[in-house]
């Protein structure tokens, strides 16, 4: 907002130049870098799937989409697990 050196009104106050804000490291959290993506893929390959993820994969293979959606409602993993099934089908 531009200040106009007035005592009252919307633009009241001494005119100053705005200092641009720098981005904090906490605002960059979760952004996928190439290193980050690689590390996550290695961890997934080594550790495998959590028990609930295995169950959801089995439900998706058996065309029980509604039950799978209910299981993954809070975790928002349904798209990711669906992509994994598609990739496995392409590989075979």
PDB file of N, CA and C in Angstrom:
ATOM      1  N   UNK A   1       0.838  -1.173   0.000  1.00  0.00           N
ATOM      2  CA  UNK A   1       0.000   0.000   0.000  1.00  0.00           C
ATOM      3  C   UNK A   1       0.890   1.246   0.000  1.00  0.00           C
ATOM      4  N   UNK A   2       0.547   2.191  -0.805  1.00  0.00           N
ATOM      5  CA  UNK A   2       1.327   3.420  -0.920  1.00  0.00           C
ATOM      6  C   UNK A   2       0.834   4.405   0.128  1.00  0.00           C
ATOM      7  N   UNK A   3       1.758   4.958   0.887  1.00  0.00           N
ATOM      8  CA  UNK A   3       1.384   5.933   1.904  1.00  0.00           C
ATOM      9  C   UNK A   3       1.548   7.331   1.330  1.00  0.00           C
ATOM     10  N   UNK A   4       0.709   8.243   1.815  1.00  0.00           N
ATOM     11  CA  UNK A   4       0.670   9.560   1.186  1.00  0.00           C
ATOM     12  C   UNK A   4       1.029  10.698   2.149  1.00  0.00           C
ATOM     13  N   UNK A   5       1.631  10.395   3.301  1.00  0.00           N
ATOM     14  CA  UNK A   5       2.071  11.414   4.240  1.00  0.00           C
ATOM     15  C   UNK A   5       0.902  12.201   4.823  1.00  0.00           C
ATOM     16  N   UNK A   6      -0.274  11.605   4.864  1.00  0.00           N
ATOM     17  CA  UNK A   6      -1.443  12.228   5.473  1.00  0.00           C
ATOM     18  C   UNK A   6      -1.644  11.673   6.882  1.00  0.00           C
ATOM     19  N   UNK A   7      -2.350  12.446   7.707  1.00  0.00           N
ATOM     20  CA  UNK A   7      -2.587  11.990   9.073  1.00  0.00           C
ATOM     21  C   UNK A   7      -3.747  11.009   9.156  1.00  0.00           C
ATOM     22  N   UNK A   8      -4.719  11.114   8.262  1.00  0.00           N
ATOM     23  CA  UNK A   8      -5.903  10.271   8.334  1.00  0.00           C
ATOM     24  C   UNK A   8      -6.180   9.654   6.979  1.00  0.00           C
ATOM     25  N   UNK A   9      -7.033   8.672   6.973  1.00  0.00           N
ATOM     26  CA  UNK A   9      -7.437   8.051   5.719  1.00  0.00           C
ATOM     27  C   UNK A   9      -6.805   6.682   5.525  1.00  0.00           C
ATOM     28  N   UNK A  10      -7.086   6.098   4.382  1.00  0.00           N
ATOM     29  CA  UNK A  10      -6.595   4.749   4.106  1.00  0.00           C
ATOM     30  C   UNK A  10      -5.088   4.716   3.917  1.00  0.00           C
ATOM     31  N   UNK A  11      -4.517   5.740   3.273  1.00  0.00           N
ATOM     32  CA  UNK A  11      -3.083   5.760   2.985  1.00  0.00           C
ATOM     33  C   UNK A  11      -2.304   6.624   3.958  1.00  0.00           C
ATOM     34  N   UNK A  12      -2.747   6.685   5.214  1.00  0.00           N
ATOM     35  CA  UNK A  12      -2.086   7.577   6.174  1.00  0.00           C
ATOM     36  C   UNK A  12      -0.704   7.066   6.536  1.00  0.00           C
ATOM     37  N   UNK A  13       0.151   7.949   6.961  1.00  0.00           N
ATOM     38  CA  UNK A  13       1.455   7.568   7.457  1.00  0.00           C
ATOM     39  C   UNK A  13       2.590   8.067   6.592  1.00  0.00           C
ATOM     40  N   UNK A  14       3.803   7.893   7.110  1.00  0.00           N
ATOM     41  CA  UNK A  14       5.003   8.343   6.423  1.00  0.00           C
ATOM     42  C   UNK A  14       5.281   7.439   5.227  1.00  0.00           C
ATOM     43  N   UNK A  15       5.557   8.008   4.049  1.00  0.00           N
ATOM     44  CA  UNK A  15       5.809   7.162   2.873  1.00  0.00           C
ATOM     45  C   UNK A  15       7.132   6.407   3.009  1.00  0.00           C
ATOM     46  N   UNK A  16       7.072   5.105   2.910  1.00  0.00           N
ATOM     47  CA  UNK A  16       8.265   4.255   3.011  1.00  0.00           C
ATOM     48  C   UNK A  16       8.307   3.308   1.828  1.00  0.00           C
ATOM     49  N   UNK A  17       9.481   2.746   1.596  1.00  0.00           N
ATOM     50  CA  UNK A  17       9.596   1.750   0.529  1.00  0.00           C
ATOM     51  C   UNK A  17       9.428   0.364   1.142  1.00  0.00           C
ATOM     52  N   UNK A  18       8.670  -0.469   0.488  1.00  0.00           N
ATOM     53  CA  UNK A  18       8.398  -1.813   1.000  1.00  0.00           C
ATOM     54  C   UNK A  18       9.616  -2.699   0.786  1.00  0.00           C
ATOM     55  N   UNK A  19       9.974  -3.459   1.806  1.00  0.00           N
ATOM     56  CA  UNK A  19      11.087  -4.401   1.700  1.00  0.00           C
ATOM     57  C   UNK A  19      10.518  -5.747   1.269  1.00  0.00           C
ATOM     58  N   UNK A  20      11.036  -6.317   0.184  1.00  0.00           N
ATOM     59  CA  UNK A  20      10.490  -7.618  -0.251  1.00  0.00           C
ATOM     60  C   UNK A  20      10.809  -8.702   0.775  1.00  0.00           C
ATOM     61  N   UNK A  21       9.824  -9.561   1.023  1.00  0.00           N
ATOM     62  CA  UNK A  21       9.996 -10.610   2.023  1.00  0.00           C
ATOM     63  C   UNK A  21      10.738 -11.797   1.411  1.00  0.00           C
ATOM     64  N   UNK A  22      11.659 -12.360   2.177  1.00  0.00           N
ATOM     65  CA  UNK A  22      12.375 -13.547   1.721  1.00  0.00           C
ATOM     66  C   UNK A  22      11.583 -14.786   2.109  1.00  0.00           C
ATOM     67  N   UNK A  23      11.709 -15.827   1.304  1.00  0.00           N
ATOM     68  CA  UNK A  23      10.967 -17.051   1.606  1.00  0.00           C
ATOM     69  C   UNK A  23      11.674 -17.814   2.712  1.00  0.00           C
ATOM     70  N   UNK A  24      10.904 -18.268   3.648  1.00  0.00           N
ATOM     71  CA  UNK A  24      11.454 -19.037   4.755  1.00  0.00           C
ATOM     72  C   UNK A  24      11.615 -20.490   4.335  1.00  0.00           C
ATOM     73  N   UNK A  25      12.530 -21.192   4.956  1.00  0.00           N
ATOM     74  CA  UNK A  25      12.672 -22.621   4.628  1.00  0.00           C
ATOM     75  C   UNK A  25      11.402 -23.412   4.911  1.00  0.00           C
ATOM     76  N   UNK A  26      10.634 -22.996   5.907  1.00  0.00           N
ATOM     77  CA  UNK A  26       9.404 -23.726   6.228  1.00  0.00           C
ATOM     78  C   UNK A  26       8.368 -23.588   5.119  1.00  0.00           C
ATOM     79  N   UNK A  27       8.447 -22.540   4.313  1.00  0.00           N
ATOM     80  CA  UNK A  27       7.495 -22.367   3.214  1.00  0.00           C
ATOM     81  C   UNK A  27       7.861 -23.243   2.024  1.00  0.00           C
ATOM     82  N   UNK A  28       9.106 -23.709   1.977  1.00  0.00           N
ATOM     83  CA  UNK A  28       9.520 -24.594   0.887  1.00  0.00           C
ATOM     84  C   UNK A  28       9.298 -26.055   1.222  1.00  0.00           C
ATOM     85  N   UNK A  29       8.803 -26.344   2.421  1.00  0.00           N
ATOM     86  CA  UNK A  29       8.665 -27.726   2.880  1.00  0.00           C
ATOM     87  C   UNK A  29       7.720 -28.504   1.965  1.00  0.00           C
ATOM     88  N   UNK A  30       8.134 -29.686   1.579  1.00  0.00           N
ATOM     89  CA  UNK A  30       7.283 -30.554   0.781  1.00  0.00           C
ATOM     90  C   UNK A  30       7.467 -30.400  -0.709  1.00  0.00           C
ATOM     91  N   UNK A  31       8.247 -29.443  -1.162  1.00  0.00           N
ATOM     92  CA  UNK A  31       8.473 -29.271  -2.593  1.00  0.00           C
ATOM     93  C   UNK A  31       9.387 -30.390  -3.076  1.00  0.00           C
ATOM     94  N   UNK A  32       8.983 -31.050  -4.159  1.00  0.00           N
ATOM     95  CA  UNK A  32       9.734 -32.197  -4.656  1.00  0.00           C
ATOM     96  C   UNK A  32      10.936 -31.745  -5.459  1.00  0.00           C
ATOM     97  N   UNK A  33      12.114 -32.025  -4.945  1.00  0.00           N
ATOM     98  CA  UNK A  33      13.326 -31.822  -5.723  1.00  0.00           C
ATOM     99  C   UNK A  33      13.730 -33.177  -6.297  1.00  0.00           C
ATOM    100  N   UNK A  34      14.702 -33.204  -7.185  1.00  0.00           N
ATOM    101  CA  UNK A  34      15.105 -34.479  -7.779  1.00  0.00           C
ATOM    102  C   UNK A  34      15.719 -35.394  -6.729  1.00  0.00           C
ATOM    103  N   UNK A  35      16.506 -34.808  -5.837  1.00  0.00           N
ATOM    104  CA  UNK A  35      17.119 -35.603  -4.764  1.00  0.00           C
ATOM    105  C   UNK A  35      16.043 -36.173  -3.842  1.00  0.00           C
ATOM    106  N   UNK A  36      15.089 -35.318  -3.484  1.00  0.00           N
ATOM    107  CA  UNK A  36      14.001 -35.720  -2.603  1.00  0.00           C
ATOM    108  C   UNK A  36      13.192 -36.861  -3.221  1.00  0.00           C
ATOM    109  N   UNK A  37      12.907 -36.741  -4.505  1.00  0.00           N
ATOM    110  CA  UNK A  37      12.132 -37.753  -5.213  1.00  0.00           C
ATOM    111  C   UNK A  37      12.880 -39.080  -5.240  1.00  0.00           C
ATOM    112  N   UNK A  38      14.182 -39.019  -5.498  1.00  0.00           N
ATOM    113  CA  UNK A  38      15.008 -40.223  -5.536  1.00  0.00           C
ATOM    114  C   UNK A  38      15.041 -40.912  -4.174  1.00  0.00           C
ATOM    115  N   UNK A  39      15.231 -40.127  -3.113  1.00  0.00           N
ATOM    116  CA  UNK A  39      15.296 -40.697  -1.765  1.00  0.00           C
ATOM    117  C   UNK A  39      13.983 -41.366  -1.402  1.00  0.00           C
ATOM    118  N   UNK A  40      12.875 -40.743  -1.736  1.00  0.00           N
ATOM    119  CA  UNK A  40      11.576 -41.336  -1.435  1.00  0.00           C
ATOM    120  C   UNK A  40      11.357 -42.631  -2.195  1.00  0.00           C
ATOM    121  N   UNK A  41      11.815 -42.678  -3.452  1.00  0.00           N
ATOM    122  CA  UNK A  41      11.649 -43.914  -4.223  1.00  0.00           C
ATOM    123  C   UNK A  41      12.500 -45.034  -3.643  1.00  0.00           C
ATOM    124  N   UNK A  42      13.714 -44.708  -3.182  1.00  0.00           N
ATOM    125  CA  UNK A  42      14.577 -45.727  -2.573  1.00  0.00           C
ATOM    126  C   UNK A  42      13.962 -46.233  -1.273  1.00  0.00           C
ATOM    127  N   UNK A  43      13.446 -45.330  -0.464  1.00  0.00           N
ATOM    128  CA  UNK A  43      12.813 -45.728   0.795  1.00  0.00           C
ATOM    129  C   UNK A  43      11.610 -46.608   0.526  1.00  0.00           C
ATOM    130  N   UNK A  44      10.815 -46.263  -0.473  1.00  0.00           N
ATOM    131  CA  UNK A  44       9.639 -47.076  -0.817  1.00  0.00           C
ATOM    132  C   UNK A  44      10.059 -48.467  -1.281  1.00  0.00           C
ATOM    133  N   UNK A  45      11.130 -48.509  -2.068  1.00  0.00           N
ATOM    134  CA  UNK A  45      11.614 -49.788  -2.586  1.00  0.00           C
ATOM    135  C   UNK A  45      12.140 -50.677  -1.466  1.00  0.00           C
ATOM    136  N   UNK A  46      12.834 -50.085  -0.505  1.00  0.00           N
ATOM    137  CA  UNK A  46      13.434 -50.858   0.579  1.00  0.00           C
ATOM    138  C   UNK A  46      12.392 -51.282   1.607  1.00  0.00           C
ATOM    139  N   UNK A  47      11.551 -50.331   2.030  1.00  0.00           N
ATOM    140  CA  UNK A  47      10.639 -50.618   3.130  1.00  0.00           C
ATOM    141  C   UNK A  47       9.340 -51.265   2.685  1.00  0.00           C
ATOM    142  N   UNK A  48       8.964 -51.080   1.421  1.00  0.00           N
ATOM    143  CA  UNK A  48       7.710 -51.671   0.949  1.00  0.00           C
ATOM    144  C   UNK A  48       6.516 -50.836   1.362  1.00  0.00           C
ATOM    145  N   UNK A  49       5.368 -51.508   1.458  1.00  0.00           N
ATOM    146  CA  UNK A  49       4.119 -50.818   1.763  1.00  0.00           C
ATOM    147  C   UNK A  49       3.714 -51.068   3.211  1.00  0.00           C
ATOM    148  N   UNK A  50       2.991 -50.106   3.769  1.00  0.00           N
ATOM    149  CA  UNK A  50       2.412 -50.274   5.099  1.00  0.00           C
ATOM    150  C   UNK A  50       1.263 -51.280   4.997  1.00  0.00           C
ATOM    151  N   UNK A  51       0.889 -51.894   6.108  1.00  0.00           N
ATOM    152  CA  UNK A  51      -0.190 -52.891   6.054  1.00  0.00           C
ATOM    153  C   UNK A  51      -1.500 -52.353   5.470  1.00  0.00           C
ATOM    154  N   UNK A  52      -1.865 -51.115   5.820  1.00  0.00           N
ATOM    155  CA  UNK A  52      -3.109 -50.582   5.264  1.00  0.00           C
ATOM    156  C   UNK A  52      -2.970 -50.348   3.768  1.00  0.00           C
ATOM    157  N   UNK A  53      -1.753 -49.992   3.308  1.00  0.00           N
ATOM    158  CA  UNK A  53      -1.549 -49.785   1.872  1.00  0.00           C
ATOM    159  C   UNK A  53      -1.660 -51.099   1.118  1.00  0.00           C
ATOM    160  N   UNK A  54      -1.144 -52.189   1.700  1.00  0.00           N
ATOM    161  CA  UNK A  54      -1.285 -53.503   1.057  1.00  0.00           C
ATOM    162  C   UNK A  54      -2.752 -53.889   0.948  1.00  0.00           C
ATOM    163  N   UNK A  55      -3.505 -53.602   1.982  1.00  0.00           N
ATOM    164  CA  UNK A  55      -4.934 -53.929   1.964  1.00  0.00           C
ATOM    165  C   UNK A  55      -5.668 -53.124   0.897  1.00  0.00           C
ATOM    166  N   UNK A  56      -5.335 -51.839   0.782  1.00  0.00           N
ATOM    167  CA  UNK A  56      -5.973 -50.988  -0.227  1.00  0.00           C
ATOM    168  C   UNK A  56      -5.606 -51.462  -1.630  1.00  0.00           C
ATOM    169  N   UNK A  57      -4.347 -51.855  -1.832  1.00  0.00           N
ATOM    170  CA  UNK A  57      -3.942 -52.380  -3.143  1.00  0.00           C
ATOM    171  C   UNK A  57      -4.754 -53.613  -3.503  1.00  0.00           C
ATOM    172  N   UNK A  58      -4.959 -54.488  -2.533  1.00  0.00           N
ATOM    173  CA  UNK A  58      -5.741 -55.698  -2.783  1.00  0.00           C
ATOM    174  C   UNK A  58      -7.193 -55.353  -3.103  1.00  0.00           C
ATOM    175  N   UNK A  59      -7.746 -54.382  -2.391  1.00  0.00           N
ATOM    176  CA  UNK A  59      -9.127 -53.963  -2.668  1.00  0.00           C
ATOM    177  C   UNK A  59      -9.240 -53.348  -4.056  1.00  0.00           C
ATOM    178  N   UNK A  60      -8.251 -52.554  -4.450  1.00  0.00           N
ATOM    179  CA  UNK A  60      -8.303 -51.934  -5.778  1.00  0.00           C
ATOM    180  C   UNK A  60      -8.180 -52.985  -6.881  1.00  0.00           C
ATOM    181  N   UNK A  61      -7.368 -54.013  -6.639  1.00  0.00           N
ATOM    182  CA  UNK A  61      -7.239 -55.076  -7.643  1.00  0.00           C
ATOM    183  C   UNK A  61      -8.543 -55.850  -7.797  1.00  0.00           C
ATOM    184  N   UNK A  62      -9.297 -55.972  -6.708  1.00  0.00           N
ATOM    185  CA  UNK A  62     -10.549 -56.732  -6.741  1.00  0.00           C
ATOM    186  C   UNK A  62     -11.762 -55.853  -7.021  1.00  0.00           C
ATOM    187  N   UNK A  63     -11.529 -54.645  -7.524  1.00  0.00           N
ATOM    188  CA  UNK A  63     -12.580 -53.716  -7.951  1.00  0.00           C
ATOM    189  C   UNK A  63     -13.513 -53.334  -6.816  1.00  0.00           C
ATOM    190  N   UNK A  64     -12.979 -53.150  -5.625  1.00  0.00           N
ATOM    191  CA  UNK A  64     -13.775 -52.664  -4.488  1.00  0.00           C
ATOM    192  C   UNK A  64     -13.336 -51.225  -4.194  1.00  0.00           C
ATOM    193  N   UNK A  65     -13.637 -50.338  -5.134  1.00  0.00           N
ATOM    194  CA  UNK A  65     -13.151 -48.962  -5.048  1.00  0.00           C
ATOM    195  C   UNK A  65     -13.732 -48.200  -3.864  1.00  0.00           C
ATOM    196  N   UNK A  66     -15.014 -48.448  -3.577  1.00  0.00           N
ATOM    197  CA  UNK A  66     -15.657 -47.676  -2.520  1.00  0.00           C
ATOM    198  C   UNK A  66     -15.030 -47.978  -1.161  1.00  0.00           C
ATOM    199  N   UNK A  67     -14.779 -49.238  -0.898  1.00  0.00           N
ATOM    200  CA  UNK A  67     -14.160 -49.626   0.368  1.00  0.00           C
ATOM    201  C   UNK A  67     -12.732 -49.070   0.456  1.00  0.00           C
ATOM    202  N   UNK A  68     -12.013 -49.087  -0.666  1.00  0.00           N
ATOM    203  CA  UNK A  68     -10.653 -48.556  -0.691  1.00  0.00           C
ATOM    204  C   UNK A  68     -10.658 -47.060  -0.416  1.00  0.00           C
ATOM    205  N   UNK A  69     -11.647 -46.343  -0.966  1.00  0.00           N
ATOM    206  CA  UNK A  69     -11.753 -44.902  -0.707  1.00  0.00           C
ATOM    207  C   UNK A  69     -11.994 -44.628   0.773  1.00  0.00           C
ATOM    208  N   UNK A  70     -12.826 -45.462   1.395  1.00  0.00           N
ATOM    209  CA  UNK A  70     -13.107 -45.264   2.819  1.00  0.00           C
ATOM    210  C   UNK A  70     -11.857 -45.486   3.655  1.00  0.00           C
ATOM    211  N   UNK A  71     -11.049 -46.459   3.278  1.00  0.00           N
ATOM    212  CA  UNK A  71      -9.831 -46.740   4.038  1.00  0.00           C
ATOM    213  C   UNK A  71      -8.799 -45.624   3.900  1.00  0.00           C
ATOM    214  N   UNK A  72      -8.705 -45.023   2.731  1.00  0.00           N
ATOM    215  CA  UNK A  72      -7.666 -44.011   2.485  1.00  0.00           C
ATOM    216  C   UNK A  72      -8.192 -42.586   2.557  1.00  0.00           C
ATOM    217  N   UNK A  73      -9.343 -42.403   3.150  1.00  0.00           N
ATOM    218  CA  UNK A  73      -9.955 -41.070   3.166  1.00  0.00           C
ATOM    219  C   UNK A  73      -9.061 -40.046   3.852  1.00  0.00           C
ATOM    220  N   UNK A  74      -8.508 -40.390   5.014  1.00  0.00           N
ATOM    221  CA  UNK A  74      -7.719 -39.426   5.762  1.00  0.00           C
ATOM    222  C   UNK A  74      -6.301 -39.311   5.236  1.00  0.00           C
ATOM    223  N   UNK A  75      -5.805 -40.340   4.588  1.00  0.00           N
ATOM    224  CA  UNK A  75      -4.397 -40.341   4.197  1.00  0.00           C
ATOM    225  C   UNK A  75      -4.174 -39.848   2.771  1.00  0.00           C
ATOM    226  N   UNK A  76      -5.206 -39.782   1.957  1.00  0.00           N
ATOM    227  CA  UNK A  76      -5.128 -39.278   0.572  1.00  0.00           C
ATOM    228  C   UNK A  76      -4.068 -40.009  -0.254  1.00  0.00           C
ATOM    229  N   UNK A  77      -4.085 -41.323  -0.184  1.00  0.00           N
ATOM    230  CA  UNK A  77      -3.097 -42.120  -0.898  1.00  0.00           C
ATOM    231  C   UNK A  77      -3.709 -42.880  -2.067  1.00  0.00           C
ATOM    232  N   UNK A  78      -4.990 -42.728  -2.312  1.00  0.00           N
ATOM    233  CA  UNK A  78      -5.669 -43.558  -3.298  1.00  0.00           C
ATOM    234  C   UNK A  78      -5.087 -43.381  -4.690  1.00  0.00           C
ATOM    235  N   UNK A  79      -4.804 -42.139  -5.091  1.00  0.00           N
ATOM    236  CA  UNK A  79      -4.264 -41.899  -6.436  1.00  0.00           C
ATOM    237  C   UNK A  79      -2.880 -42.522  -6.574  1.00  0.00           C
ATOM    238  N   UNK A  80      -2.071 -42.367  -5.524  1.00  0.00           N
ATOM    239  CA  UNK A  80      -0.707 -42.900  -5.565  1.00  0.00           C
ATOM    240  C   UNK A  80      -0.722 -44.425  -5.696  1.00  0.00           C
ATOM    241  N   UNK A  81      -1.583 -45.074  -4.914  1.00  0.00           N
ATOM    242  CA  UNK A  81      -1.655 -46.540  -4.951  1.00  0.00           C
ATOM    243  C   UNK A  81      -2.259 -47.017  -6.276  1.00  0.00           C
ATOM    244  N   UNK A  82      -3.212 -46.258  -6.810  1.00  0.00           N
ATOM    245  CA  UNK A  82      -3.771 -46.606  -8.124  1.00  0.00           C
ATOM    246  C   UNK A  82      -2.714 -46.521  -9.215  1.00  0.00           C
ATOM    247  N   UNK A  83      -1.838 -45.514  -9.138  1.00  0.00           N
ATOM    248  CA  UNK A  83      -0.747 -45.387 -10.116  1.00  0.00           C
ATOM    249  C   UNK A  83       0.234 -46.548 -10.002  1.00  0.00           C
ATOM    250  N   UNK A  84       0.478 -47.004  -8.777  1.00  0.00           N
ATOM    251  CA  UNK A  84       1.393 -48.133  -8.583  1.00  0.00           C
ATOM    252  C   UNK A  84       0.835 -49.393  -9.220  1.00  0.00           C
ATOM    253  N   UNK A  85      -0.477 -49.617  -9.102  1.00  0.00           N
ATOM    254  CA  UNK A  85      -1.101 -50.789  -9.730  1.00  0.00           C
ATOM    255  C   UNK A  85      -0.989 -50.693 -11.249  1.00  0.00           C
ATOM    256  N   UNK A  86      -1.228 -49.501 -11.807  1.00  0.00           N
ATOM    257  CA  UNK A  86      -1.128 -49.329 -13.255  1.00  0.00           C
ATOM    258  C   UNK A  86       0.289 -49.590 -13.750  1.00  0.00           C
ATOM    259  N   UNK A  87       1.286 -49.115 -13.006  1.00  0.00           N
ATOM    260  CA  UNK A  87       2.676 -49.355 -13.406  1.00  0.00           C
ATOM    261  C   UNK A  87       3.029 -50.829 -13.354  1.00  0.00           C
ATOM    262  N   UNK A  88       2.514 -51.524 -12.338  1.00  0.00           N
ATOM    263  CA  UNK A  88       2.788 -52.959 -12.255  1.00  0.00           C
ATOM    264  C   UNK A  88       2.123 -53.722 -13.388  1.00  0.00           C
ATOM    265  N   UNK A  89       0.951 -53.264 -13.820  1.00  0.00           N
ATOM    266  CA  UNK A  89       0.280 -53.910 -14.954  1.00  0.00           C
ATOM    267  C   UNK A  89       1.049 -53.668 -16.255  1.00  0.00           C
ATOM    268  N   UNK A  90       1.620 -52.465 -16.399  1.00  0.00           N
ATOM    269  CA  UNK A  90       2.420 -52.171 -17.590  1.00  0.00           C
ATOM    270  C   UNK A  90       3.682 -53.012 -17.636  1.00  0.00           C
ATOM    271  N   UNK A  91       4.260 -53.238 -16.461  1.00  0.00           N
ATOM    272  CA  UNK A  91       5.522 -53.986 -16.400  1.00  0.00           C
ATOM    273  C   UNK A  91       5.314 -55.459 -16.758  1.00  0.00           C
ATOM    274  N   UNK A  92       4.132 -56.014 -16.440  1.00  0.00           N
ATOM    275  CA  UNK A  92       3.909 -57.447 -16.713  1.00  0.00           C
ATOM    276  C   UNK A  92       3.326 -57.689 -18.051  1.00  0.00           C
TER     277      UNK A  92
END
